[in-house]
């Protein structure tokens, strides 16, 4: 049951991201969330900081934000869970640029009186060490 509930949580996150629905997105995260993103700073701490980050990101897209989720792995015990997956983000930026890239996502979750909430999220891209550049053209 826990695994199916957590998979539903991640599906809901992807749909809320796709629609750029900030209220729906934020309802999935714990108030004390710690978020490691692709962009600075090193971490976003708390719901207010994460809300501001997501609103900035949503504002950069002219299209819906494509979210293709693959290879979800969930491990849960009691009131805590960990998960990792690949997510392809795609769409059109306000600059007119069409983009699509895969990221690696790890989540820590805890069960609350509201159900499962994301307490930690880490989003990353592989880096080519020689060029010191993110690698955005890999495909699973």
N, C-alpha and C. Protein backbone atom coordinates (compact mmCIF):
# COMPACT_ATOMS: atom_id res chain seq x y z
N UNK A 1 0.81 -1.19 0.00
CA UNK A 1 0.00 0.00 0.00
C UNK A 1 0.86 1.26 0.00
N UNK A 2 1.91 1.31 0.86
CA UNK A 2 2.77 2.50 0.92
C UNK A 2 3.35 2.83 -0.45
N UNK A 3 3.84 1.80 -1.16
CA UNK A 3 4.47 2.05 -2.46
C UNK A 3 3.47 2.66 -3.43
N UNK A 4 2.26 2.16 -3.49
CA UNK A 4 1.28 2.72 -4.42
C UNK A 4 0.90 4.14 -4.01
N UNK A 5 0.82 4.42 -2.71
CA UNK A 5 0.53 5.78 -2.25
C UNK A 5 1.66 6.74 -2.64
N UNK A 6 2.89 6.29 -2.51
CA UNK A 6 4.03 7.14 -2.86
C UNK A 6 4.12 7.36 -4.37
N UNK A 7 3.86 6.32 -5.14
CA UNK A 7 3.84 6.49 -6.59
C UNK A 7 2.75 7.49 -6.99
N UNK A 8 1.61 7.44 -6.33
CA UNK A 8 0.53 8.40 -6.60
C UNK A 8 0.98 9.82 -6.23
N UNK A 9 1.73 9.96 -5.13
CA UNK A 9 2.27 11.26 -4.74
C UNK A 9 3.16 11.83 -5.84
N UNK A 10 4.05 10.99 -6.38
CA UNK A 10 4.97 11.46 -7.42
C UNK A 10 4.23 11.75 -8.73
N UNK A 11 3.22 10.95 -9.04
CA UNK A 11 2.39 11.24 -10.22
C UNK A 11 1.67 12.57 -10.06
N UNK A 12 1.15 12.81 -8.86
CA UNK A 12 0.45 14.07 -8.58
C UNK A 12 1.42 15.25 -8.72
N UNK A 13 2.65 15.06 -8.21
CA UNK A 13 3.66 16.12 -8.35
C UNK A 13 3.91 16.43 -9.82
N UNK A 14 4.07 15.40 -10.64
CA UNK A 14 4.34 15.62 -12.06
C UNK A 14 3.19 16.35 -12.74
N UNK A 15 1.96 15.95 -12.42
CA UNK A 15 0.79 16.61 -13.03
C UNK A 15 0.68 18.06 -12.57
N UNK A 16 0.94 18.32 -11.29
CA UNK A 16 0.89 19.69 -10.78
C UNK A 16 1.99 20.54 -11.42
N UNK A 17 3.18 19.97 -11.60
CA UNK A 17 4.26 20.68 -12.28
C UNK A 17 3.87 20.98 -13.73
N UNK A 18 3.33 19.97 -14.40
CA UNK A 18 2.91 20.13 -15.79
C UNK A 18 1.97 21.33 -15.93
N UNK A 19 1.05 21.44 -14.99
CA UNK A 19 0.05 22.51 -15.04
C UNK A 19 0.53 23.81 -14.41
N UNK A 20 1.71 23.79 -13.79
CA UNK A 20 2.24 24.95 -13.07
C UNK A 20 1.27 25.41 -11.98
N UNK A 21 0.70 24.44 -11.28
CA UNK A 21 -0.28 24.70 -10.23
C UNK A 21 0.44 24.77 -8.88
N UNK A 22 0.83 25.97 -8.48
CA UNK A 22 1.67 26.14 -7.29
C UNK A 22 1.00 25.63 -6.02
N UNK A 23 -0.28 25.82 -5.87
CA UNK A 23 -0.95 25.37 -4.65
C UNK A 23 -0.95 23.85 -4.56
N UNK A 24 -1.23 23.22 -5.68
CA UNK A 24 -1.23 21.75 -5.72
C UNK A 24 0.18 21.20 -5.48
N UNK A 25 1.18 21.84 -6.07
CA UNK A 25 2.56 21.40 -5.87
C UNK A 25 2.94 21.52 -4.40
N UNK A 26 2.70 22.69 -3.82
CA UNK A 26 3.15 22.93 -2.45
C UNK A 26 2.43 22.04 -1.43
N UNK A 27 1.22 21.60 -1.75
CA UNK A 27 0.49 20.70 -0.84
C UNK A 27 1.18 19.35 -0.70
N UNK A 28 2.12 19.04 -1.59
CA UNK A 28 2.81 17.75 -1.59
C UNK A 28 4.12 17.77 -0.78
N UNK A 29 4.54 18.97 -0.38
CA UNK A 29 5.80 19.13 0.33
C UNK A 29 5.57 19.49 1.79
N UNK A 30 6.42 18.98 2.66
CA UNK A 30 6.36 19.31 4.09
C UNK A 30 6.74 20.78 4.29
N UNK A 31 6.21 21.41 5.31
CA UNK A 31 6.57 22.81 5.59
C UNK A 31 8.07 23.02 5.81
N UNK A 32 8.76 22.00 6.33
CA UNK A 32 10.19 22.11 6.61
C UNK A 32 11.05 21.44 5.53
N UNK A 33 10.53 21.36 4.32
CA UNK A 33 11.23 20.71 3.21
C UNK A 33 12.63 21.31 3.01
N UNK A 34 13.56 20.44 2.61
CA UNK A 34 14.89 20.86 2.18
C UNK A 34 15.03 20.37 0.74
N UNK A 35 15.35 21.31 -0.17
CA UNK A 35 15.33 21.04 -1.61
C UNK A 35 16.68 21.40 -2.21
N UNK A 36 17.31 20.44 -2.88
CA UNK A 36 18.56 20.66 -3.59
C UNK A 36 18.21 20.70 -5.08
N UNK A 37 18.44 21.83 -5.72
CA UNK A 37 18.04 22.02 -7.11
C UNK A 37 19.25 22.08 -8.04
N UNK A 38 18.96 22.20 -9.34
CA UNK A 38 20.01 22.33 -10.34
C UNK A 38 20.71 23.68 -10.25
N UNK A 39 20.02 24.67 -9.74
CA UNK A 39 20.53 26.04 -9.74
C UNK A 39 20.83 26.48 -8.30
N UNK A 40 21.70 27.49 -8.15
CA UNK A 40 22.00 28.01 -6.81
C UNK A 40 20.74 28.59 -6.17
N UNK A 41 20.76 28.61 -4.84
CA UNK A 41 21.84 28.33 -3.89
C UNK A 41 22.03 26.82 -3.68
N UNK A 42 22.85 26.46 -2.71
CA UNK A 42 23.10 25.05 -2.44
C UNK A 42 21.86 24.31 -1.99
N UNK A 43 20.95 25.02 -1.32
CA UNK A 43 19.71 24.39 -0.88
C UNK A 43 18.64 25.46 -0.67
N UNK A 44 17.41 25.03 -0.80
CA UNK A 44 16.24 25.83 -0.45
C UNK A 44 15.65 25.17 0.79
N UNK A 45 15.42 25.94 1.84
CA UNK A 45 14.93 25.38 3.08
C UNK A 45 13.58 26.01 3.43
N UNK A 46 12.58 25.17 3.62
CA UNK A 46 11.26 25.63 4.00
C UNK A 46 10.35 25.87 2.82
N UNK A 47 9.06 25.80 3.10
CA UNK A 47 8.04 25.91 2.05
C UNK A 47 8.07 27.27 1.36
N UNK A 48 8.32 28.36 2.08
CA UNK A 48 8.31 29.68 1.46
C UNK A 48 9.43 29.80 0.41
N UNK A 49 10.62 29.31 0.75
CA UNK A 49 11.74 29.36 -0.20
C UNK A 49 11.45 28.49 -1.42
N UNK A 50 10.86 27.31 -1.19
CA UNK A 50 10.57 26.42 -2.31
C UNK A 50 9.46 27.01 -3.19
N UNK A 51 8.45 27.60 -2.59
CA UNK A 51 7.38 28.25 -3.35
C UNK A 51 7.97 29.33 -4.28
N UNK A 52 8.84 30.16 -3.74
CA UNK A 52 9.45 31.23 -4.54
C UNK A 52 10.25 30.63 -5.69
N UNK A 53 10.98 29.56 -5.43
CA UNK A 53 11.78 28.89 -6.47
C UNK A 53 10.88 28.34 -7.56
N UNK A 54 9.81 27.63 -7.18
CA UNK A 54 8.91 27.07 -8.18
C UNK A 54 8.20 28.17 -8.98
N UNK A 55 7.77 29.24 -8.34
CA UNK A 55 7.11 30.32 -9.07
C UNK A 55 8.05 30.95 -10.09
N UNK A 56 9.32 31.12 -9.72
CA UNK A 56 10.31 31.63 -10.67
C UNK A 56 10.45 30.67 -11.85
N UNK A 57 10.55 29.37 -11.56
CA UNK A 57 10.73 28.37 -12.61
C UNK A 57 9.49 28.31 -13.51
N UNK A 58 8.30 28.29 -12.92
CA UNK A 58 7.07 28.25 -13.71
C UNK A 58 6.99 29.45 -14.65
N UNK A 59 7.41 30.61 -14.18
CA UNK A 59 7.34 31.83 -14.97
C UNK A 59 8.24 31.85 -16.18
N UNK A 60 9.16 30.92 -16.27
CA UNK A 60 10.09 30.86 -17.41
C UNK A 60 9.55 30.08 -18.60
N UNK A 61 8.39 29.43 -18.43
CA UNK A 61 7.82 28.57 -19.46
C UNK A 61 6.61 29.22 -20.13
N UNK A 62 6.54 29.13 -21.46
CA UNK A 62 5.33 29.58 -22.15
C UNK A 62 4.36 28.41 -22.35
N UNK A 63 4.88 27.20 -22.28
CA UNK A 63 4.06 26.00 -22.45
C UNK A 63 3.86 25.33 -21.09
N UNK A 64 3.05 24.28 -21.12
CA UNK A 64 3.01 23.38 -19.97
C UNK A 64 4.41 22.79 -19.81
N UNK A 65 4.71 22.29 -18.62
CA UNK A 65 6.02 21.70 -18.37
C UNK A 65 5.88 20.19 -18.47
N UNK A 66 6.44 19.62 -19.53
CA UNK A 66 6.39 18.18 -19.73
C UNK A 66 7.10 17.45 -18.60
N UNK A 67 6.51 16.36 -18.15
CA UNK A 67 7.07 15.57 -17.05
C UNK A 67 6.90 14.09 -17.39
N UNK A 68 7.95 13.45 -17.87
CA UNK A 68 7.92 12.01 -18.12
C UNK A 68 8.74 11.34 -17.03
N UNK A 69 8.10 10.48 -16.25
CA UNK A 69 8.77 9.83 -15.12
C UNK A 69 9.08 8.38 -15.49
N UNK A 70 10.31 7.96 -15.18
CA UNK A 70 10.73 6.58 -15.46
C UNK A 70 11.52 6.01 -14.30
N UNK A 71 11.55 4.70 -14.26
CA UNK A 71 12.42 3.96 -13.35
C UNK A 71 12.25 4.38 -11.89
N UNK A 72 11.01 4.48 -11.44
CA UNK A 72 10.73 4.85 -10.05
C UNK A 72 11.06 3.67 -9.14
N UNK A 73 11.83 3.94 -8.10
CA UNK A 73 12.19 2.95 -7.10
C UNK A 73 11.80 3.50 -5.75
N UNK A 74 10.95 2.78 -5.02
CA UNK A 74 10.42 3.24 -3.73
C UNK A 74 10.75 2.23 -2.65
N UNK A 75 11.17 2.73 -1.49
CA UNK A 75 11.38 1.90 -0.32
C UNK A 75 10.74 2.62 0.87
N UNK A 76 9.79 1.95 1.54
CA UNK A 76 9.08 2.58 2.65
C UNK A 76 9.03 1.64 3.84
N UNK A 77 9.08 2.24 5.03
CA UNK A 77 8.96 1.48 6.26
C UNK A 77 8.36 2.39 7.33
N UNK A 78 7.20 2.03 7.81
CA UNK A 78 6.56 2.84 8.83
C UNK A 78 6.15 4.20 8.30
N UNK A 79 6.73 5.24 8.89
CA UNK A 79 6.35 6.61 8.53
C UNK A 79 7.39 7.33 7.68
N UNK A 80 8.39 6.60 7.17
CA UNK A 80 9.41 7.22 6.33
C UNK A 80 9.59 6.41 5.04
N UNK A 81 10.03 7.12 4.00
CA UNK A 81 10.24 6.47 2.71
C UNK A 81 11.32 7.20 1.94
N UNK A 82 11.95 6.46 1.05
CA UNK A 82 12.93 7.04 0.13
C UNK A 82 12.57 6.57 -1.27
N UNK A 83 12.85 7.41 -2.25
CA UNK A 83 12.55 7.06 -3.64
C UNK A 83 13.56 7.73 -4.55
N UNK A 84 13.79 7.12 -5.70
CA UNK A 84 14.58 7.78 -6.73
C UNK A 84 14.00 7.42 -8.08
N UNK A 85 14.22 8.31 -9.05
CA UNK A 85 13.62 8.15 -10.37
C UNK A 85 14.33 9.06 -11.36
N UNK A 86 13.98 8.90 -12.62
CA UNK A 86 14.41 9.81 -13.68
C UNK A 86 13.18 10.57 -14.16
N UNK A 87 13.35 11.86 -14.43
CA UNK A 87 12.25 12.67 -14.94
C UNK A 87 12.74 13.48 -16.13
N UNK A 88 12.02 13.38 -17.25
CA UNK A 88 12.32 14.20 -18.42
C UNK A 88 11.42 15.43 -18.37
N UNK A 89 12.06 16.58 -18.32
CA UNK A 89 11.36 17.86 -18.34
C UNK A 89 11.46 18.40 -19.76
N UNK A 90 10.32 18.86 -20.30
CA UNK A 90 10.34 19.36 -21.67
C UNK A 90 9.28 20.43 -21.87
N UNK A 91 9.45 21.19 -22.94
CA UNK A 91 8.48 22.22 -23.28
C UNK A 91 9.14 23.40 -23.94
N UNK A 92 8.41 24.51 -23.96
CA UNK A 92 8.87 25.73 -24.60
C UNK A 92 9.05 26.82 -23.55
N UNK A 93 10.25 27.39 -23.54
CA UNK A 93 10.52 28.51 -22.64
C UNK A 93 9.94 29.79 -23.22
N UNK A 94 9.82 30.82 -22.42
CA UNK A 94 9.31 32.11 -22.90
C UNK A 94 10.22 32.72 -23.94
N UNK A 95 11.48 32.28 -23.98
CA UNK A 95 12.42 32.75 -25.00
C UNK A 95 12.12 32.13 -26.37
N UNK A 96 11.22 31.14 -26.40
CA UNK A 96 10.91 30.42 -27.62
C UNK A 96 11.72 29.15 -27.78
N UNK A 97 12.69 28.94 -26.91
CA UNK A 97 13.55 27.75 -26.99
C UNK A 97 12.77 26.51 -26.56
N UNK A 98 12.85 25.48 -27.39
CA UNK A 98 12.28 24.16 -27.06
C UNK A 98 13.36 23.38 -26.34
N UNK A 99 13.01 22.85 -25.16
CA UNK A 99 14.01 22.10 -24.42
C UNK A 99 13.45 20.76 -23.96
N UNK A 100 14.36 19.86 -23.67
CA UNK A 100 14.01 18.56 -23.12
C UNK A 100 15.27 17.93 -22.55
N UNK A 101 15.24 17.53 -21.30
CA UNK A 101 16.40 16.93 -20.67
C UNK A 101 15.94 16.03 -19.53
N UNK A 102 16.74 15.02 -19.25
CA UNK A 102 16.48 14.09 -18.15
C UNK A 102 17.23 14.54 -16.92
N UNK A 103 16.57 14.49 -15.76
CA UNK A 103 17.22 14.75 -14.48
C UNK A 103 17.08 13.51 -13.59
N UNK A 104 17.95 13.46 -12.60
CA UNK A 104 17.88 12.41 -11.58
C UNK A 104 17.23 13.04 -10.36
N UNK A 105 16.26 12.35 -9.78
CA UNK A 105 15.54 12.89 -8.63
C UNK A 105 15.53 11.86 -7.51
N UNK A 106 15.89 12.32 -6.32
CA UNK A 106 15.80 11.50 -5.11
C UNK A 106 14.89 12.22 -4.13
N UNK A 107 14.05 11.45 -3.44
CA UNK A 107 13.11 12.02 -2.49
C UNK A 107 13.17 11.30 -1.15
N UNK A 108 13.04 12.07 -0.09
CA UNK A 108 12.76 11.55 1.23
C UNK A 108 11.34 11.97 1.58
N UNK A 109 10.58 11.09 2.17
CA UNK A 109 9.17 11.39 2.48
C UNK A 109 8.85 10.90 3.89
N UNK A 110 7.82 11.51 4.48
CA UNK A 110 7.31 11.02 5.75
C UNK A 110 5.79 11.07 5.71
N UNK A 111 5.21 10.13 6.42
CA UNK A 111 3.75 10.08 6.52
C UNK A 111 3.32 11.09 7.58
N UNK A 112 2.29 11.86 7.27
CA UNK A 112 1.74 12.83 8.21
C UNK A 112 0.24 12.59 8.31
N UNK A 113 -0.42 13.42 9.08
CA UNK A 113 -1.88 13.30 9.16
C UNK A 113 -2.55 13.66 7.84
N UNK A 114 -1.80 14.28 6.92
CA UNK A 114 -2.29 14.61 5.57
C UNK A 114 -1.89 13.55 4.54
N UNK A 115 -1.26 12.48 4.98
CA UNK A 115 -0.74 11.47 4.04
C UNK A 115 0.75 11.67 3.86
N UNK A 116 1.31 11.11 2.80
CA UNK A 116 2.73 11.22 2.53
C UNK A 116 3.07 12.63 2.06
N UNK A 117 4.18 13.18 2.58
CA UNK A 117 4.69 14.48 2.15
C UNK A 117 6.16 14.34 1.80
N UNK A 118 6.60 15.13 0.85
CA UNK A 118 8.01 15.15 0.47
C UNK A 118 8.75 16.06 1.44
N UNK A 119 9.73 15.50 2.13
CA UNK A 119 10.52 16.27 3.10
C UNK A 119 11.86 16.70 2.53
N UNK A 120 12.33 15.96 1.53
CA UNK A 120 13.60 16.29 0.89
C UNK A 120 13.52 15.90 -0.58
N UNK A 121 14.06 16.77 -1.43
CA UNK A 121 14.15 16.45 -2.85
C UNK A 121 15.51 16.92 -3.35
N UNK A 122 16.13 16.06 -4.15
CA UNK A 122 17.43 16.38 -4.75
C UNK A 122 17.31 16.13 -6.24
N UNK A 123 17.50 17.18 -7.02
CA UNK A 123 17.42 17.11 -8.48
C UNK A 123 18.83 17.37 -9.01
N UNK A 124 19.30 16.51 -9.93
CA UNK A 124 20.65 16.70 -10.44
C UNK A 124 20.76 16.30 -11.91
N UNK A 125 21.79 16.82 -12.52
CA UNK A 125 22.20 16.45 -13.87
C UNK A 125 23.62 15.88 -13.79
N UNK A 126 23.94 14.93 -14.66
CA UNK A 126 25.33 14.49 -14.72
C UNK A 126 26.21 15.65 -15.19
N UNK A 127 27.47 15.64 -14.78
CA UNK A 127 28.41 16.70 -15.17
C UNK A 127 29.60 16.07 -15.86
N UNK A 128 30.00 16.66 -16.98
CA UNK A 128 31.24 16.28 -17.66
C UNK A 128 32.37 16.98 -16.90
N UNK A 129 33.17 16.22 -16.20
CA UNK A 129 34.19 16.79 -15.33
C UNK A 129 35.21 17.62 -16.12
N UNK A 130 35.60 17.14 -17.31
CA UNK A 130 36.60 17.86 -18.10
C UNK A 130 36.11 19.23 -18.52
N UNK A 131 34.89 19.31 -19.03
CA UNK A 131 34.37 20.60 -19.50
C UNK A 131 33.70 21.40 -18.39
N UNK A 132 33.43 20.73 -17.26
CA UNK A 132 32.72 21.34 -16.14
C UNK A 132 31.33 21.83 -16.56
N UNK A 133 30.71 21.07 -17.46
CA UNK A 133 29.39 21.42 -17.98
C UNK A 133 28.39 20.31 -17.69
N UNK A 134 27.15 20.72 -17.48
CA UNK A 134 26.08 19.74 -17.30
C UNK A 134 25.86 18.99 -18.61
N UNK A 135 25.54 17.72 -18.49
CA UNK A 135 25.26 16.88 -19.65
C UNK A 135 23.74 16.71 -19.73
N UNK A 136 23.15 17.27 -20.78
CA UNK A 136 21.70 17.29 -20.89
C UNK A 136 21.16 16.43 -22.02
N UNK A 137 22.04 15.71 -22.70
CA UNK A 137 21.58 14.93 -23.87
C UNK A 137 21.56 13.42 -23.63
N UNK A 138 21.70 12.99 -22.37
CA UNK A 138 21.64 11.57 -22.07
C UNK A 138 20.20 11.09 -22.08
N UNK A 139 20.02 9.84 -22.50
CA UNK A 139 18.68 9.23 -22.55
C UNK A 139 18.76 7.89 -21.84
N UNK A 140 17.78 7.59 -20.97
CA UNK A 140 17.83 6.30 -20.27
C UNK A 140 17.64 5.13 -21.22
